[in-house]
Structure formats: structure tokens, C-alpha cells
Amino acid sequence: MAAALACSMDGRLAGVAAVAGLSLVRPCPEPPPVTLVSFHGTADRTVPYGGGHPLRDATGDLRKLADMVKLPPVRRSAEGWAAALGCPEPRVSSPVRSVELRAWDGCAAGADVRLYTVGGGGHTWPGPIEVPRLGATARGLDASALILDAFDAAEPR
């Protein structure tokens, strides 16, 4: 839901971070310049990386609700934000094993977009704390530090 704030706060946010939820909200057509950092595991069963119905393990009424929603793939969502923010093609790297970083730098008005894709990662916050019922956690990646570093490096708006 953090990404939705980038559109609704009329440019009052210089940066937002989405962990396991970038695809929940579509990019707004003309977002204000913002630094957008996101993390998502490819084995997330709550918000599927490849898109589709969320909450794959839900039952009963929650399953019926989940079946009414179809999310886009996470990478397509990141590409949509990058396009809306006037970004060039991304550079792709691997900051740690099993993690791909797609970084769109030099976007219009100083905006940046980052997508950390955690291979085999679940619906978890990358870092030292594991939550086994939500899937694997990228322990070699510190999402909190990366978010703060990205916000610190953001150009003043």
C-alpha cells in the first residue's frame, strides 16, 4: 500500500518502499518524482510474484474474496512504475546470491525505481528474522538498510 501513497500524497513523499506488495496497486498515470524501492520473493503464496490470485492458501470466504482479485506480475508492476516515472532501461545485477536487482536510475526529475527479486523467497521482509510459515527469508539481504540507503541517496525534491 506504500506505493499508493506516492500518488495520493501530492508529491509530499520523496520515497516509498514496498515489501511483498508492489503489485497490489497500479501505478498512477503521472506520479510525482519519487524513489520507489521494492522487494518480492518468487515463492510468495500470499501476493504471487508471477501475478494471479492472492492468498493462494486461503479457505472459505477469504478464498472467495481472493478469487475475485487478479494481480499483475510484480516485475510488470515495477516496469509500469518505471515507465510512469520516465525511467530509462534498467541495469540488472545480483547484490547477493539468489537476489536480482533491477535498478532504474536517472528517471525524470530525479526519481529512481528498484526491484529486488528474491529467488525462492516467501511473503517475508528480507533480513535477519525468519517467519517460516510465510516462506523463505533472504537473510543475506537487509531490506531495512537498503531502504534507508535509497532514501538517503534520493535527490531532494
C-alpha atoms as a PDB file:
ATOM      1  CA  MET A   1       0.000   0.000   0.000  1.00  0.00           C
ATOM      2  CA  ALA A   2       3.008   2.301   0.369  1.00  0.00           C
ATOM      3  CA  ALA A   3       3.160   2.735  -3.396  1.00  0.00           C
ATOM      4  CA  ALA A   4      -0.393   4.118  -3.404  1.00  0.00           C
ATOM      5  CA  LEU A   5       0.787   6.900  -1.109  1.00  0.00           C
ATOM      6  CA  ALA A   6       3.215   8.081  -3.783  1.00  0.00           C
ATOM      7  CA  CYS A   7       0.205   9.021  -5.895  1.00  0.00           C
ATOM      8  CA  SER A   8      -2.174  10.239  -3.224  1.00  0.00           C
ATOM      9  CA  MET A   9       0.141  12.480  -1.196  1.00  0.00           C
ATOM     10  CA  ASP A  10       0.577  15.123  -3.936  1.00  0.00           C
ATOM     11  CA  GLY A  11       4.370  14.910  -4.028  1.00  0.00           C
ATOM     12  CA  ARG A  12       4.850  15.174  -0.260  1.00  0.00           C
ATOM     13  CA  LEU A  13       6.782  11.877  -0.167  1.00  0.00           C
ATOM     14  CA  ALA A  14      10.307  11.670  -1.578  1.00  0.00           C
ATOM     15  CA  GLY A  15      10.412   7.898  -1.249  1.00  0.00           C
ATOM     16  CA  VAL A  16       8.296   4.808  -0.618  1.00  0.00           C
ATOM     17  CA  ALA A  17       9.159   1.155  -0.033  1.00  0.00           C
ATOM     18  CA  ALA A  18       7.010  -1.865  -0.805  1.00  0.00           C
ATOM     19  CA  VAL A  19       7.862  -5.261   0.637  1.00  0.00           C
ATOM     20  CA  ALA A  20       5.867  -8.125  -0.877  1.00  0.00           C
ATOM     21  CA  GLY A  21       3.129  -5.842  -2.165  1.00  0.00           C
ATOM     22  CA  LEU A  22       4.157  -3.667  -5.119  1.00  0.00           C
ATOM     23  CA  SER A  23       1.605  -5.306  -7.421  1.00  0.00           C
ATOM     24  CA  LEU A  24      -1.337  -4.536  -5.104  1.00  0.00           C
ATOM     25  CA  VAL A  25      -1.705  -1.017  -6.541  1.00  0.00           C
ATOM     26  CA  ARG A  26      -1.275   0.018 -10.141  1.00  0.00           C
ATOM     27  CA  PRO A  27       0.982   2.994 -10.911  1.00  0.00           C
ATOM     28  CA  CYS A  28      -0.810   6.293 -11.233  1.00  0.00           C
ATOM     29  CA  PRO A  29      -0.639   7.883 -14.706  1.00  0.00           C
ATOM     30  CA  GLU A  30       1.559  10.839 -13.708  1.00  0.00           C
ATOM     31  CA  PRO A  31       3.207  10.137 -10.356  1.00  0.00           C
ATOM     32  CA  PRO A  32       5.262  12.832  -8.703  1.00  0.00           C
ATOM     33  CA  PRO A  33       9.016  12.097  -8.711  1.00  0.00           C
ATOM     34  CA  VAL A  34       9.701   9.532  -6.019  1.00  0.00           C
ATOM     35  CA  THR A  35      12.268   6.929  -5.023  1.00  0.00           C
ATOM     36  CA  LEU A  36      10.473   3.570  -5.080  1.00  0.00           C
ATOM     37  CA  VAL A  37      12.222   0.567  -3.522  1.00  0.00           C
ATOM     38  CA  SER A  38      10.557  -2.839  -3.602  1.00  0.00           C
ATOM     39  CA  PHE A  39      11.328  -6.398  -2.522  1.00  0.00           C
ATOM     40  CA  HIS A  40       9.443  -9.526  -3.522  1.00  0.00           C
ATOM     41  CA  GLY A  41      10.003 -13.271  -3.259  1.00  0.00           C
ATOM     42  CA  THR A  42       9.339 -15.533  -6.220  1.00  0.00           C
ATOM     43  CA  ALA A  43       7.724 -18.162  -3.949  1.00  0.00           C
ATOM     44  CA  ASP A  44       5.350 -15.730  -2.217  1.00  0.00           C
ATOM     45  CA  ARG A  45       1.988 -17.539  -1.883  1.00  0.00           C
ATOM     46  CA  THR A  46       0.207 -14.519  -0.386  1.00  0.00           C
ATOM     47  CA  VAL A  47       0.977 -11.995  -3.148  1.00  0.00           C
ATOM     48  CA  PRO A  48       2.248 -14.151  -6.038  1.00  0.00           C
ATOM     49  CA  TYR A  49       5.306 -12.821  -7.872  1.00  0.00           C
ATOM     50  CA  GLY A  50       4.001 -14.063 -11.214  1.00  0.00           C
ATOM     51  CA  GLY A  51       0.619 -12.436 -10.685  1.00  0.00           C
ATOM     52  CA  GLY A  52      -2.748 -14.071 -10.347  1.00  0.00           C
ATOM     53  CA  HIS A  53      -4.950 -14.613  -7.348  1.00  0.00           C
ATOM     54  CA  PRO A  54      -3.567 -13.571  -3.949  1.00  0.00           C
ATOM     55  CA  LEU A  55      -3.798 -15.632  -0.770  1.00  0.00           C
ATOM     56  CA  ARG A  56      -3.370 -18.951  -2.568  1.00  0.00           C
ATOM     57  CA  ASP A  57      -3.662 -20.888   0.690  1.00  0.00           C
ATOM     58  CA  ALA A  58      -6.846 -19.153   1.854  1.00  0.00           C
ATOM     59  CA  THR A  59     -10.028 -21.115   2.543  1.00  0.00           C
ATOM     60  CA  GLY A  60     -13.738 -20.350   2.907  1.00  0.00           C
ATOM     61  CA  ASP A  61     -14.970 -16.784   2.452  1.00  0.00           C
ATOM     62  CA  LEU A  62     -11.423 -15.409   2.275  1.00  0.00           C
ATOM     63  CA  ARG A  63     -10.734 -17.726  -0.676  1.00  0.00           C
ATOM     64  CA  LYS A  64     -13.871 -16.478  -2.432  1.00  0.00           C
ATOM     65  CA  LEU A  65     -12.681 -12.903  -1.949  1.00  0.00           C
ATOM     66  CA  ALA A  66      -9.175 -13.751  -3.181  1.00  0.00           C
ATOM     67  CA  ASP A  67     -10.631 -15.388  -6.291  1.00  0.00           C
ATOM     68  CA  MET A  68     -12.253 -12.053  -7.253  1.00  0.00           C
ATOM     69  CA  VAL A  69      -8.853 -10.319  -7.432  1.00  0.00           C
ATOM     70  CA  LYS A  70      -6.224 -10.886 -10.093  1.00  0.00           C
ATOM     71  CA  LEU A  71      -2.878  -9.195  -9.552  1.00  0.00           C
ATOM     72  CA  PRO A  72      -0.384  -8.375 -12.304  1.00  0.00           C
ATOM     73  CA  PRO A  73       3.120  -9.866 -12.166  1.00  0.00           C
ATOM     74  CA  VAL A  74       5.429  -7.948  -9.813  1.00  0.00           C
ATOM     75  CA  ARG A  75       8.054  -7.266 -12.479  1.00  0.00           C
ATOM     76  CA  ARG A  76       5.387  -5.813 -14.783  1.00  0.00           C
ATOM     77  CA  SER A  77       4.262  -3.563 -11.916  1.00  0.00           C
ATOM     78  CA  ALA A  78       7.818  -2.302 -11.401  1.00  0.00           C
ATOM     79  CA  GLU A  79       8.165  -1.703 -15.136  1.00  0.00           C
ATOM     80  CA  GLY A  80       4.891   0.234 -15.062  1.00  0.00           C
ATOM     81  CA  TRP A  81       6.169   2.482 -12.273  1.00  0.00           C
ATOM     82  CA  ALA A  82       9.455   2.986 -14.141  1.00  0.00           C
ATOM     83  CA  ALA A  83       7.607   3.967 -17.322  1.00  0.00           C
ATOM     84  CA  ALA A  84       5.283   6.326 -15.439  1.00  0.00           C
ATOM     85  CA  LEU A  85       8.321   7.957 -13.786  1.00  0.00           C
ATOM     86  CA  GLY A  86      10.127   8.414 -17.106  1.00  0.00           C
ATOM     87  CA  CYS A  87      12.958   5.974 -16.403  1.00  0.00           C
ATOM     88  CA  PRO A  88      15.459   4.584 -18.910  1.00  0.00           C
ATOM     89  CA  GLU A  89      16.138   0.856 -19.257  1.00  0.00           C
ATOM     90  CA  PRO A  90      17.172  -0.819 -16.005  1.00  0.00           C
ATOM     91  CA  ARG A  91      20.555  -2.129 -15.053  1.00  0.00           C
ATOM     92  CA  VAL A  92      20.419  -5.667 -13.700  1.00  0.00           C
ATOM     93  CA  SER A  93      22.751  -7.046 -11.039  1.00  0.00           C
ATOM     94  CA  SER A  94      22.888  -9.612  -8.270  1.00  0.00           C
ATOM     95  CA  PRO A  95      23.770  -7.975  -4.927  1.00  0.00           C
ATOM     96  CA  VAL A  96      23.718 -11.333  -3.100  1.00  0.00           C
ATOM     97  CA  ARG A  97      23.169 -14.941  -4.114  1.00  0.00           C
ATOM     98  CA  SER A  98      19.595 -15.675  -5.260  1.00  0.00           C
ATOM     99  CA  VAL A  99      18.660 -11.985  -5.457  1.00  0.00           C
ATOM    100  CA  GLU A 100      18.271  -9.997  -8.662  1.00  0.00           C
ATOM    101  CA  LEU A 101      18.220  -6.199  -8.562  1.00  0.00           C
ATOM    102  CA  ARG A 102      16.600  -4.299 -11.403  1.00  0.00           C
ATOM    103  CA  ALA A 103      17.519  -0.627 -10.924  1.00  0.00           C
ATOM    104  CA  TRP A 104      16.032   2.144 -12.991  1.00  0.00           C
ATOM    105  CA  ASP A 105      18.311   5.124 -12.332  1.00  0.00           C
ATOM    106  CA  GLY A 106      18.228   8.579 -13.847  1.00  0.00           C
ATOM    107  CA  CYS A 107      14.466   8.817 -14.151  1.00  0.00           C
ATOM    108  CA  ALA A 108      12.698  12.126 -14.740  1.00  0.00           C
ATOM    109  CA  ALA A 109      13.101  14.746 -12.007  1.00  0.00           C
ATOM    110  CA  GLY A 110      15.488  12.534 -10.004  1.00  0.00           C
ATOM    111  CA  ALA A 111      13.125   9.603  -9.417  1.00  0.00           C
ATOM    112  CA  ASP A 112      14.506   6.057  -9.044  1.00  0.00           C
ATOM    113  CA  VAL A 113      12.918   2.600  -9.036  1.00  0.00           C
ATOM    114  CA  ARG A 114      14.457  -0.551  -7.539  1.00  0.00           C
ATOM    115  CA  LEU A 115      13.076  -4.086  -7.599  1.00  0.00           C
ATOM    116  CA  TYR A 116      14.847  -6.731  -5.520  1.00  0.00           C
ATOM    117  CA  THR A 117      13.604 -10.152  -6.624  1.00  0.00           C
ATOM    118  CA  VAL A 118      14.361 -12.831  -4.036  1.00  0.00           C
ATOM    119  CA  GLY A 119      14.628 -16.232  -5.719  1.00  0.00           C
ATOM    120  CA  GLY A 120      12.600 -18.719  -3.670  1.00  0.00           C
ATOM    121  CA  GLY A 121      11.654 -16.021  -1.145  1.00  0.00           C
ATOM    122  CA  GLY A 122       8.273 -16.026   0.544  1.00  0.00           C
ATOM    123  CA  HIS A 123       5.981 -13.293   1.874  1.00  0.00           C
ATOM    124  CA  THR A 124       8.719 -12.055   4.202  1.00  0.00           C
ATOM    125  CA  TRP A 125      10.842  -9.000   4.996  1.00  0.00           C
ATOM    126  CA  PRO A 126      14.435  -9.649   3.814  1.00  0.00           C
ATOM    127  CA  GLY A 127      16.755  -9.583   6.809  1.00  0.00           C
ATOM    128  CA  PRO A 128      17.684 -11.464   9.947  1.00  0.00           C
ATOM    129  CA  ILE A 129      14.235 -12.531  11.171  1.00  0.00           C
ATOM    130  CA  GLU A 130      12.631 -15.630   9.687  1.00  0.00           C
ATOM    131  CA  VAL A 131       8.899 -16.347   9.648  1.00  0.00           C
ATOM    132  CA  PRO A 132       8.803 -19.953   8.378  1.00  0.00           C
ATOM    133  CA  ARG A 133       5.025 -20.107   7.847  1.00  0.00           C
ATOM    134  CA  LEU A 134       5.344 -17.239   5.328  1.00  0.00           C
ATOM    135  CA  GLY A 135       8.152 -18.846   3.339  1.00  0.00           C
ATOM    136  CA  ALA A 136      11.901 -18.466   2.977  1.00  0.00           C
ATOM    137  CA  THR A 137      13.594 -15.231   4.039  1.00  0.00           C
ATOM    138  CA  ALA A 138      16.582 -13.666   2.277  1.00  0.00           C
ATOM    139  CA  ARG A 139      18.848 -13.441   5.314  1.00  0.00           C
ATOM    140  CA  GLY A 140      21.815 -12.101   3.306  1.00  0.00           C
ATOM    141  CA  LEU A 141      19.847  -9.006   2.344  1.00  0.00           C
ATOM    142  CA  ASP A 142      18.895  -6.263   4.816  1.00  0.00           C
ATOM    143  CA  ALA A 143      15.796  -4.594   3.396  1.00  0.00           C
ATOM    144  CA  SER A 144      15.679  -2.000   6.179  1.00  0.00           C
ATOM    145  CA  ALA A 145      19.239  -0.815   5.489  1.00  0.00           C
ATOM    146  CA  LEU A 146      18.728  -0.816   1.703  1.00  0.00           C
ATOM    147  CA  ILE A 147      15.540   1.231   2.025  1.00  0.00           C
ATOM    148  CA  LEU A 148      17.195   3.797   4.286  1.00  0.00           C
ATOM    149  CA  ASP A 149      20.243   3.996   1.983  1.00  0.00           C
ATOM    150  CA  ALA A 150      17.999   4.569  -1.058  1.00  0.00           C
ATOM    151  CA  PHE A 151      16.014   7.270   0.729  1.00  0.00           C
ATOM    152  CA  ASP A 152      19.234   8.926   1.939  1.00  0.00           C
ATOM    153  CA  ALA A 153      20.646   8.971  -1.604  1.00  0.00           C
ATOM    154  CA  ALA A 154      17.439  10.345  -3.148  1.00  0.00           C
ATOM    155  CA  GLU A 155      17.710  13.761  -4.698  1.00  0.00           C
ATOM    156  CA  PRO A 156      15.917  16.482  -2.739  1.00  0.00           C
ATOM    157  CA  ARG A 157      12.583  17.341  -4.347  1.00  0.00           C
END
